[in-house]
């Protein structure tokens, strides 16, 4: 007996498997992208960049890590950079009762800021703020940063 195979098409199991693969791929893409995380409300429990910098500073203060404490500027916003001398971080360190004997050298701090600024475009240099008041020219634009 000869069977006529016209019109049989794909088996239903192949179609179902293809649909499942596409759905799983879409879910993986959504979960691993920022858009998907925002859409589904994931990633809300991660600390802010400022909080992460604060925790790094607490570690640096507790372990007398002078370079990390004084000269490691972290980007905490589109245009904001902080080291452990930032007033917000200092406030958090003080509130937690952490004491240290670290003294930062102004010229080394200024050299680090200059080094970061060298890699910026002119527009980025105009917008960049270090510890809330120092711009890429190295001149304060607001109240002085607290001394440690």
C-alpha atoms as a PDB file:
ATOM      1  CA  UNK A   1       0.000   0.000   0.000  1.00  0.00           C
ATOM      2  CA  UNK A   2       1.373   3.454  -0.906  1.00  0.00           C
ATOM      3  CA  UNK A   3       0.713   6.290   1.487  1.00  0.00           C
ATOM      4  CA  UNK A   4       0.124   9.818   0.275  1.00  0.00           C
ATOM      5  CA  UNK A   5       2.356  12.055   2.451  1.00  0.00           C
ATOM      6  CA  UNK A   6       1.027  15.356   1.149  1.00  0.00           C
ATOM      7  CA  UNK A   7      -0.556  17.544   3.796  1.00  0.00           C
ATOM      8  CA  UNK A   8       0.873  15.693   6.805  1.00  0.00           C
ATOM      9  CA  UNK A   9       3.083  18.640   7.938  1.00  0.00           C
ATOM     10  CA  UNK A  10       5.083  18.614  11.179  1.00  0.00           C
ATOM     11  CA  UNK A  11       4.143  16.449  14.115  1.00  0.00           C
ATOM     12  CA  UNK A  12       2.471  18.280  16.970  1.00  0.00           C
ATOM     13  CA  UNK A  13       5.277  17.350  19.384  1.00  0.00           C
ATOM     14  CA  UNK A  14       7.854  19.236  17.257  1.00  0.00           C
ATOM     15  CA  UNK A  15       5.699  22.367  17.257  1.00  0.00           C
ATOM     16  CA  UNK A  16       5.173  22.188  21.027  1.00  0.00           C
ATOM     17  CA  UNK A  17       8.910  21.678  21.618  1.00  0.00           C
ATOM     18  CA  UNK A  18       9.751  24.700  19.423  1.00  0.00           C
ATOM     19  CA  UNK A  19       7.298  26.910  21.312  1.00  0.00           C
ATOM     20  CA  UNK A  20       8.750  25.823  24.679  1.00  0.00           C
ATOM     21  CA  UNK A  21      12.309  26.549  23.480  1.00  0.00           C
ATOM     22  CA  UNK A  22      11.312  30.035  22.317  1.00  0.00           C
ATOM     23  CA  UNK A  23       9.545  30.812  25.621  1.00  0.00           C
ATOM     24  CA  UNK A  24      12.531  29.608  27.682  1.00  0.00           C
ATOM     25  CA  UNK A  25      14.915  31.685  25.536  1.00  0.00           C
ATOM     26  CA  UNK A  26      12.774  34.810  26.020  1.00  0.00           C
ATOM     27  CA  UNK A  27      12.622  34.286  29.786  1.00  0.00           C
ATOM     28  CA  UNK A  28      16.411  33.861  29.970  1.00  0.00           C
ATOM     29  CA  UNK A  29      16.956  37.018  27.954  1.00  0.00           C
ATOM     30  CA  UNK A  30      14.589  39.009  30.154  1.00  0.00           C
ATOM     31  CA  UNK A  31      16.117  37.735  33.397  1.00  0.00           C
ATOM     32  CA  UNK A  32      19.688  38.473  32.330  1.00  0.00           C
ATOM     33  CA  UNK A  33      19.143  41.993  30.981  1.00  0.00           C
ATOM     34  CA  UNK A  34      18.593  45.210  32.919  1.00  0.00           C
ATOM     35  CA  UNK A  35      15.294  45.761  31.131  1.00  0.00           C
ATOM     36  CA  UNK A  36      14.046  42.360  32.199  1.00  0.00           C
ATOM     37  CA  UNK A  37      15.189  42.876  35.777  1.00  0.00           C
ATOM     38  CA  UNK A  38      13.363  46.200  35.951  1.00  0.00           C
ATOM     39  CA  UNK A  39      10.292  44.719  34.291  1.00  0.00           C
ATOM     40  CA  UNK A  40      10.112  41.816  36.718  1.00  0.00           C
ATOM     41  CA  UNK A  41      11.328  43.725  39.794  1.00  0.00           C
ATOM     42  CA  UNK A  42      14.453  41.623  40.233  1.00  0.00           C
ATOM     43  CA  UNK A  43      17.748  43.042  41.442  1.00  0.00           C
ATOM     44  CA  UNK A  44      16.116  45.462  43.854  1.00  0.00           C
ATOM     45  CA  UNK A  45      18.025  44.104  46.847  1.00  0.00           C
ATOM     46  CA  UNK A  46      21.494  44.896  45.527  1.00  0.00           C
ATOM     47  CA  UNK A  47      23.270  47.772  47.279  1.00  0.00           C
ATOM     48  CA  UNK A  48      23.709  51.100  45.580  1.00  0.00           C
ATOM     49  CA  UNK A  49      27.122  52.066  44.249  1.00  0.00           C
ATOM     50  CA  UNK A  50      27.479  54.518  47.152  1.00  0.00           C
ATOM     51  CA  UNK A  51      26.662  51.801  49.698  1.00  0.00           C
ATOM     52  CA  UNK A  52      29.161  49.454  48.055  1.00  0.00           C
ATOM     53  CA  UNK A  53      31.792  52.225  48.213  1.00  0.00           C
ATOM     54  CA  UNK A  54      30.926  52.799  51.887  1.00  0.00           C
ATOM     55  CA  UNK A  55      31.393  49.119  52.692  1.00  0.00           C
ATOM     56  CA  UNK A  56      34.757  49.182  50.883  1.00  0.00           C
ATOM     57  CA  UNK A  57      35.765  52.197  52.951  1.00  0.00           C
ATOM     58  CA  UNK A  58      34.738  50.506  56.180  1.00  0.00           C
ATOM     59  CA  UNK A  59      36.933  47.570  55.213  1.00  0.00           C
ATOM     60  CA  UNK A  60      39.802  49.922  54.310  1.00  0.00           C
ATOM     61  CA  UNK A  61      39.479  51.790  57.626  1.00  0.00           C
ATOM     62  CA  UNK A  62      39.330  48.597  59.680  1.00  0.00           C
ATOM     63  CA  UNK A  63      42.393  47.153  57.934  1.00  0.00           C
ATOM     64  CA  UNK A  64      44.430  50.368  57.595  1.00  0.00           C
ATOM     65  CA  UNK A  65      44.386  50.169  53.782  1.00  0.00           C
ATOM     66  CA  UNK A  66      45.658  53.694  53.048  1.00  0.00           C
ATOM     67  CA  UNK A  67      45.639  53.437  49.247  1.00  0.00           C
ATOM     68  CA  UNK A  68      42.082  52.111  49.117  1.00  0.00           C
ATOM     69  CA  UNK A  69      40.923  54.625  51.699  1.00  0.00           C
ATOM     70  CA  UNK A  70      42.510  57.758  50.242  1.00  0.00           C
ATOM     71  CA  UNK A  71      43.198  57.278  46.567  1.00  0.00           C
ATOM     72  CA  UNK A  72      40.674  54.773  45.251  1.00  0.00           C
ATOM     73  CA  UNK A  73      37.895  56.860  43.697  1.00  0.00           C
ATOM     74  CA  UNK A  74      34.756  54.913  42.872  1.00  0.00           C
ATOM     75  CA  UNK A  75      32.168  56.022  40.345  1.00  0.00           C
ATOM     76  CA  UNK A  76      28.828  56.176  42.181  1.00  0.00           C
ATOM     77  CA  UNK A  77      26.727  57.997  39.616  1.00  0.00           C
ATOM     78  CA  UNK A  78      26.925  59.204  36.058  1.00  0.00           C
ATOM     79  CA  UNK A  79      29.231  62.051  37.055  1.00  0.00           C
ATOM     80  CA  UNK A  80      30.037  61.423  40.727  1.00  0.00           C
ATOM     81  CA  UNK A  81      33.235  59.912  42.062  1.00  0.00           C
ATOM     82  CA  UNK A  82      33.994  59.301  45.736  1.00  0.00           C
ATOM     83  CA  UNK A  83      36.774  58.073  47.935  1.00  0.00           C
ATOM     84  CA  UNK A  84      36.476  57.378  51.648  1.00  0.00           C
ATOM     85  CA  UNK A  85      36.783  61.087  52.473  1.00  0.00           C
ATOM     86  CA  UNK A  86      33.364  61.819  50.968  1.00  0.00           C
ATOM     87  CA  UNK A  87      31.096  63.415  53.591  1.00  0.00           C
ATOM     88  CA  UNK A  88      28.350  60.782  53.141  1.00  0.00           C
ATOM     89  CA  UNK A  89      30.799  57.935  53.621  1.00  0.00           C
ATOM     90  CA  UNK A  90      32.455  59.674  56.577  1.00  0.00           C
ATOM     91  CA  UNK A  91      29.038  60.057  58.191  1.00  0.00           C
ATOM     92  CA  UNK A  92      28.334  56.353  57.807  1.00  0.00           C
ATOM     93  CA  UNK A  93      31.763  55.400  59.183  1.00  0.00           C
ATOM     94  CA  UNK A  94      31.243  57.694  62.194  1.00  0.00           C
ATOM     95  CA  UNK A  95      27.723  56.368  62.838  1.00  0.00           C
ATOM     96  CA  UNK A  96      29.111  52.848  62.983  1.00  0.00           C
ATOM     97  CA  UNK A  97      31.727  53.893  65.551  1.00  0.00           C
ATOM     98  CA  UNK A  98      34.684  53.008  63.348  1.00  0.00           C
ATOM     99  CA  UNK A  99      37.911  54.807  64.165  1.00  0.00           C
ATOM    100  CA  UNK A 100      41.138  54.833  62.177  1.00  0.00           C
ATOM    101  CA  UNK A 101      44.438  56.670  61.993  1.00  0.00           C
ATOM    102  CA  UNK A 102      44.625  57.039  58.204  1.00  0.00           C
ATOM    103  CA  UNK A 103      45.901  60.391  56.933  1.00  0.00           C
ATOM    104  CA  UNK A 104      45.522  61.158  53.241  1.00  0.00           C
ATOM    105  CA  UNK A 105      48.070  63.250  51.355  1.00  0.00           C
ATOM    106  CA  UNK A 106      46.441  66.084  49.386  1.00  0.00           C
ATOM    107  CA  UNK A 107      48.910  65.988  46.486  1.00  0.00           C
ATOM    108  CA  UNK A 108      48.493  62.233  45.989  1.00  0.00           C
ATOM    109  CA  UNK A 109      44.698  62.621  46.043  1.00  0.00           C
ATOM    110  CA  UNK A 110      44.938  65.446  43.486  1.00  0.00           C
ATOM    111  CA  UNK A 111      47.200  63.287  41.301  1.00  0.00           C
ATOM    112  CA  UNK A 112      44.633  60.485  41.341  1.00  0.00           C
ATOM    113  CA  UNK A 113      41.842  62.878  40.375  1.00  0.00           C
ATOM    114  CA  UNK A 114      43.994  64.256  37.553  1.00  0.00           C
ATOM    115  CA  UNK A 115      44.698  60.727  36.352  1.00  0.00           C
ATOM    116  CA  UNK A 116      40.980  59.913  36.209  1.00  0.00           C
ATOM    117  CA  UNK A 117      40.227  63.211  34.459  1.00  0.00           C
ATOM    118  CA  UNK A 118      42.854  62.561  31.770  1.00  0.00           C
ATOM    119  CA  UNK A 119      40.738  59.712  30.398  1.00  0.00           C
ATOM    120  CA  UNK A 120      37.604  61.876  30.123  1.00  0.00           C
ATOM    121  CA  UNK A 121      36.229  63.892  27.251  1.00  0.00           C
ATOM    122  CA  UNK A 122      35.875  67.650  27.674  1.00  0.00           C
ATOM    123  CA  UNK A 123      32.159  67.291  28.437  1.00  0.00           C
ATOM    124  CA  UNK A 124      32.777  64.587  31.016  1.00  0.00           C
ATOM    125  CA  UNK A 125      35.418  66.750  32.693  1.00  0.00           C
ATOM    126  CA  UNK A 126      32.929  69.602  33.036  1.00  0.00           C
ATOM    127  CA  UNK A 127      30.337  67.324  34.664  1.00  0.00           C
ATOM    128  CA  UNK A 128      32.592  65.188  36.880  1.00  0.00           C
ATOM    129  CA  UNK A 129      32.399  65.804  40.612  1.00  0.00           C
ATOM    130  CA  UNK A 130      34.758  64.242  43.153  1.00  0.00           C
ATOM    131  CA  UNK A 131      33.598  63.947  46.779  1.00  0.00           C
ATOM    132  CA  UNK A 132      30.758  66.328  46.094  1.00  0.00           C
ATOM    133  CA  UNK A 133      32.839  69.430  45.464  1.00  0.00           C
ATOM    134  CA  UNK A 134      35.999  68.924  43.431  1.00  0.00           C
ATOM    135  CA  UNK A 135      35.872  69.082  39.661  1.00  0.00           C
ATOM    136  CA  UNK A 136      38.468  67.939  37.152  1.00  0.00           C
ATOM    137  CA  UNK A 137      40.230  71.281  37.406  1.00  0.00           C
ATOM    138  CA  UNK A 138      41.044  70.261  40.978  1.00  0.00           C
ATOM    139  CA  UNK A 139      39.340  73.351  42.373  1.00  0.00           C
ATOM    140  CA  UNK A 140      36.560  73.002  44.920  1.00  0.00           C
ATOM    141  CA  UNK A 141      33.114  74.058  43.747  1.00  0.00           C
ATOM    142  CA  UNK A 142      31.326  73.837  47.064  1.00  0.00           C
ATOM    143  CA  UNK A 143      32.044  73.327  50.738  1.00  0.00           C
ATOM    144  CA  UNK A 144      35.386  71.647  51.461  1.00  0.00           C
ATOM    145  CA  UNK A 145      35.472  67.910  51.936  1.00  0.00           C
ATOM    146  CA  UNK A 146      35.796  66.938  55.611  1.00  0.00           C
ATOM    147  CA  UNK A 147      39.284  66.121  56.820  1.00  0.00           C
ATOM    148  CA  UNK A 148      39.852  62.623  58.132  1.00  0.00           C
END
